[in-house]
Amino acid sequence: MIMPATNPKKIIILTSPSGGGKTSVKSRLMVALNKELSFSVSATTRKIRGNEQEGIDYHFINEDVFKKLIEGKSFIEWEMVYPGLYYGTTVEEMNRIWGEGKVPVLDIDVKGAINVKTQFGSNVLAIFIEPPSLEVLKTRLQKRGTDSEENMMIRINKATEELQYKGQFDQVVLNDDIETASAEVIALVKQFIAN
């Protein structure tokens, strides 16, 4: 067990459908509370995009390595988010952040977030960033320009499914304005880590 019962460790989770704005909110949160929080870098089997950097945005690994980590119980959560694309949060990453005396911030998919919340209960603040509508989500994904039309439709269909889980989160923050949504998340996190 990575969390001693006598000294419960806190976790912040931000989740949303792809294009919902969790990465933008996370960036603002990390700047506002950089002394208290540390971003948990997920492992993924997907290819590096644009200006992403190894060890900063993700730990980019191949599928064989990822599956060996699963077998070794090296993840607190992992999911095959899209066919052939795995994402996960390692025990090692969580212990590194707790060892620094900080609270890890996980930017993970909806099912992974529910899994972590189930394991760690009230030590987790799980925030669902809700897009204003599926149309807005589609526009954001098009502006991002990183997906083919086919991949975009896969993401929209997945978003439709993920929105059905928002009631399982501690807080739902509507992201129709990034500054407002970020301010709301920062206030929620401040309150949670102060208790």
Protein backbone atom coordinates (compact mmCIF):
# COMPACT_ATOMS: atom_id res chain seq x y z
CA MET A 1 0.00 0.00 0.00
CA ILE A 2 1.48 3.35 -0.98
CA MET A 3 -0.58 5.48 1.39
CA PRO A 4 0.11 5.01 5.12
CA ALA A 5 -3.19 4.96 7.03
CA THR A 6 -1.70 7.17 9.77
CA ASN A 7 -0.69 9.89 7.32
CA PRO A 8 -3.25 10.14 4.53
CA LYS A 9 -1.89 11.67 1.34
CA LYS A 10 -4.10 13.98 -0.71
CA ILE A 11 -4.63 13.85 -4.48
CA ILE A 12 -6.17 16.37 -6.88
CA ILE A 13 -7.76 15.00 -10.06
CA LEU A 14 -8.78 17.08 -13.06
CA THR A 15 -10.72 15.29 -15.74
CA SER A 16 -12.87 16.16 -18.74
CA PRO A 17 -13.66 14.89 -22.18
CA SER A 18 -10.88 15.54 -24.72
CA GLY A 19 -11.02 19.27 -25.56
CA GLY A 20 -12.88 20.11 -22.33
CA GLY A 21 -10.09 22.38 -21.13
CA LYS A 22 -8.51 20.38 -18.30
CA THR A 23 -4.95 21.01 -19.55
CA SER A 24 -5.53 24.78 -19.70
CA VAL A 25 -7.12 24.78 -16.25
CA LYS A 26 -4.28 22.60 -14.91
CA SER A 27 -1.67 25.07 -16.22
CA ARG A 28 -3.30 27.97 -14.38
CA LEU A 29 -3.75 25.89 -11.21
CA MET A 30 -0.08 24.86 -11.21
CA VAL A 31 1.07 28.49 -11.52
CA ALA A 32 -1.28 29.65 -8.74
CA LEU A 33 -0.34 26.91 -6.26
CA ASN A 34 3.15 25.84 -7.40
CA LYS A 35 4.51 25.57 -3.83
CA GLU A 36 1.77 23.17 -2.70
CA LEU A 37 1.15 21.11 -5.86
CA SER A 38 3.15 19.03 -8.32
CA PHE A 39 1.93 17.71 -11.67
CA SER A 40 1.85 13.92 -11.90
CA VAL A 41 3.33 13.01 -15.28
CA SER A 42 1.34 10.12 -16.77
CA ALA A 43 2.79 7.31 -18.85
CA THR A 44 1.32 6.80 -22.32
CA THR A 45 1.82 4.69 -25.41
CA ARG A 46 0.69 7.46 -27.74
CA LYS A 47 3.12 9.35 -29.97
CA ILE A 48 4.54 12.70 -28.90
CA ARG A 49 2.63 15.74 -30.27
CA GLY A 50 3.86 19.20 -31.25
CA ASN A 51 5.94 20.82 -28.50
CA GLU A 52 5.39 18.07 -25.93
CA GLN A 53 8.44 16.97 -23.96
CA GLU A 54 9.34 13.58 -22.52
CA GLY A 55 9.07 13.58 -18.73
CA ILE A 56 7.28 16.93 -18.65
CA ASP A 57 4.03 16.32 -20.55
CA TYR A 58 4.10 12.50 -20.47
CA HIS A 59 6.42 9.55 -20.11
CA PHE A 60 6.22 8.20 -23.68
CA ILE A 61 6.73 4.42 -23.66
CA ASN A 62 5.92 1.58 -26.02
CA GLU A 63 3.04 -0.85 -25.52
CA ASP A 64 5.29 -3.76 -24.45
CA VAL A 65 6.88 -1.70 -21.66
CA PHE A 66 3.45 -0.42 -20.58
CA LYS A 67 2.07 -3.98 -20.36
CA LYS A 68 5.08 -5.08 -18.28
CA LEU A 69 4.37 -2.19 -15.88
CA ILE A 70 0.74 -3.37 -15.63
CA GLU A 71 1.92 -6.91 -14.83
CA GLY A 72 4.28 -5.52 -12.19
CA LYS A 73 1.41 -3.59 -10.55
CA SER A 74 3.33 -0.35 -11.15
CA PHE A 75 0.21 1.78 -11.75
CA ILE A 76 -2.34 3.19 -9.31
CA GLU A 77 -4.59 3.47 -12.38
CA TRP A 78 -4.36 2.77 -16.09
CA GLU A 79 -6.77 2.65 -19.00
CA MET A 80 -6.77 1.86 -22.68
CA VAL A 81 -8.40 5.22 -23.41
CA TYR A 82 -8.60 4.72 -27.17
CA PRO A 83 -7.92 1.50 -29.12
CA GLY A 84 -4.22 0.69 -28.68
CA LEU A 85 -3.54 3.88 -26.66
CA TYR A 86 -2.79 3.32 -22.98
CA TYR A 87 -2.44 5.94 -20.26
CA GLY A 88 -1.55 5.41 -16.61
CA THR A 89 -0.37 6.94 -13.33
CA THR A 90 2.60 5.16 -11.75
CA VAL A 91 3.04 4.42 -8.05
CA GLU A 92 6.59 5.75 -8.41
CA GLU A 93 5.36 9.15 -9.65
CA MET A 94 2.89 9.49 -6.77
CA ASN A 95 5.52 8.54 -4.17
CA ARG A 96 7.98 11.03 -5.70
CA ILE A 97 5.50 13.91 -5.28
CA TRP A 98 4.39 12.91 -1.78
CA GLY A 99 8.07 12.56 -0.87
CA GLU A 100 8.51 16.24 -1.82
CA GLY A 101 5.71 17.13 0.62
CA LYS A 102 3.42 18.21 -2.21
CA VAL A 103 -0.03 17.20 -3.45
CA PRO A 104 -0.06 15.42 -6.82
CA VAL A 105 -2.31 16.82 -9.56
CA LEU A 106 -3.55 14.14 -11.95
CA ASP A 107 -4.79 15.15 -15.41
CA ILE A 108 -6.42 11.83 -16.35
CA ASP A 109 -9.39 10.35 -18.19
CA VAL A 110 -12.82 9.91 -16.59
CA LYS A 111 -12.61 6.17 -15.88
CA GLY A 112 -9.10 6.47 -14.43
CA ALA A 113 -10.33 9.32 -12.21
CA ILE A 114 -13.22 7.21 -10.88
CA ASN A 115 -10.77 4.36 -10.22
CA VAL A 116 -8.43 6.60 -8.17
CA LYS A 117 -11.38 8.13 -6.28
CA THR A 118 -12.60 4.61 -5.41
CA GLN A 119 -9.15 3.62 -4.08
CA PHE A 120 -8.33 6.77 -2.11
CA GLY A 121 -11.80 8.05 -1.14
CA SER A 122 -11.98 11.31 0.79
CA ASN A 123 -8.24 11.94 0.29
CA VAL A 124 -9.09 12.82 -3.32
CA LEU A 125 -10.66 15.96 -4.74
CA ALA A 126 -11.97 14.86 -8.14
CA ILE A 127 -13.04 17.76 -10.39
CA PHE A 128 -14.89 17.24 -13.67
CA ILE A 129 -14.32 20.09 -16.16
CA GLU A 130 -17.50 20.26 -18.22
CA PRO A 131 -17.53 21.77 -21.72
CA PRO A 132 -20.49 24.09 -22.46
CA SER A 133 -21.74 21.72 -25.21
CA LEU A 134 -20.61 18.99 -27.59
CA GLU A 135 -20.62 21.57 -30.40
CA VAL A 136 -18.14 23.75 -28.50
CA LEU A 137 -16.07 20.65 -27.81
CA LYS A 138 -15.98 19.77 -31.51
CA THR A 139 -14.91 23.35 -32.39
CA ARG A 140 -12.10 23.20 -29.80
CA LEU A 141 -10.85 19.88 -31.18
CA GLN A 142 -10.91 21.28 -34.74
CA LYS A 143 -8.92 24.36 -33.64
CA ARG A 144 -6.38 22.11 -31.93
CA GLY A 145 -5.70 20.55 -35.33
CA THR A 146 -4.05 17.39 -33.96
CA ASP A 147 -6.68 14.83 -34.98
CA SER A 148 -8.02 13.43 -38.23
CA GLU A 149 -11.78 13.74 -38.84
CA GLU A 150 -12.13 10.06 -37.90
CA ASN A 151 -10.21 10.49 -34.62
CA MET A 152 -12.23 13.60 -33.84
CA MET A 153 -15.47 11.63 -34.17
CA ILE A 154 -14.06 8.93 -31.86
CA ARG A 155 -13.28 11.68 -29.30
CA ILE A 156 -16.76 13.24 -29.63
CA ASN A 157 -18.44 9.85 -29.16
CA LYS A 158 -16.25 9.18 -26.12
CA ALA A 159 -17.07 12.65 -24.74
CA THR A 160 -20.79 11.88 -25.00
CA GLU A 161 -20.21 8.76 -22.89
CA GLU A 162 -17.89 10.52 -20.39
CA LEU A 163 -20.39 13.32 -19.70
CA GLN A 164 -22.71 10.69 -18.23
CA TYR A 165 -20.21 10.10 -15.38
CA LYS A 166 -19.95 13.72 -14.18
CA GLY A 167 -22.28 13.04 -11.24
CA GLN A 168 -19.64 10.70 -9.74
CA PHE A 169 -17.20 13.57 -9.15
CA ASP A 170 -16.78 15.78 -6.07
CA GLN A 171 -17.17 18.96 -8.12
CA VAL A 172 -18.30 19.84 -11.66
CA VAL A 173 -16.90 23.08 -13.09
CA LEU A 174 -18.42 24.46 -16.29
CA ASN A 175 -15.71 25.69 -18.67
CA ASP A 176 -17.44 28.25 -20.86
CA ASP A 177 -14.75 30.80 -19.91
CA ILE A 178 -11.25 29.51 -19.11
CA GLU A 179 -10.40 32.27 -16.60
CA THR A 180 -13.64 31.82 -14.64
CA ALA A 181 -13.35 28.02 -14.66
CA SER A 182 -9.70 28.19 -13.58
CA ALA A 183 -10.48 30.60 -10.72
CA GLU A 184 -13.23 28.25 -9.51
CA VAL A 185 -10.89 25.23 -9.61
CA ILE A 186 -8.12 27.13 -7.80
CA ALA A 187 -10.57 28.11 -5.02
CA LEU A 188 -11.80 24.50 -4.66
CA VAL A 189 -8.25 23.14 -4.49
CA LYS A 190 -7.12 25.77 -1.94
CA GLN A 191 -10.02 24.82 0.32
CA PHE A 192 -9.33 21.09 -0.06
CA ILE A 193 -5.60 21.23 0.71
CA ALA A 194 -6.13 23.60 3.65
CA ASN A 195 -8.27 21.00 5.51
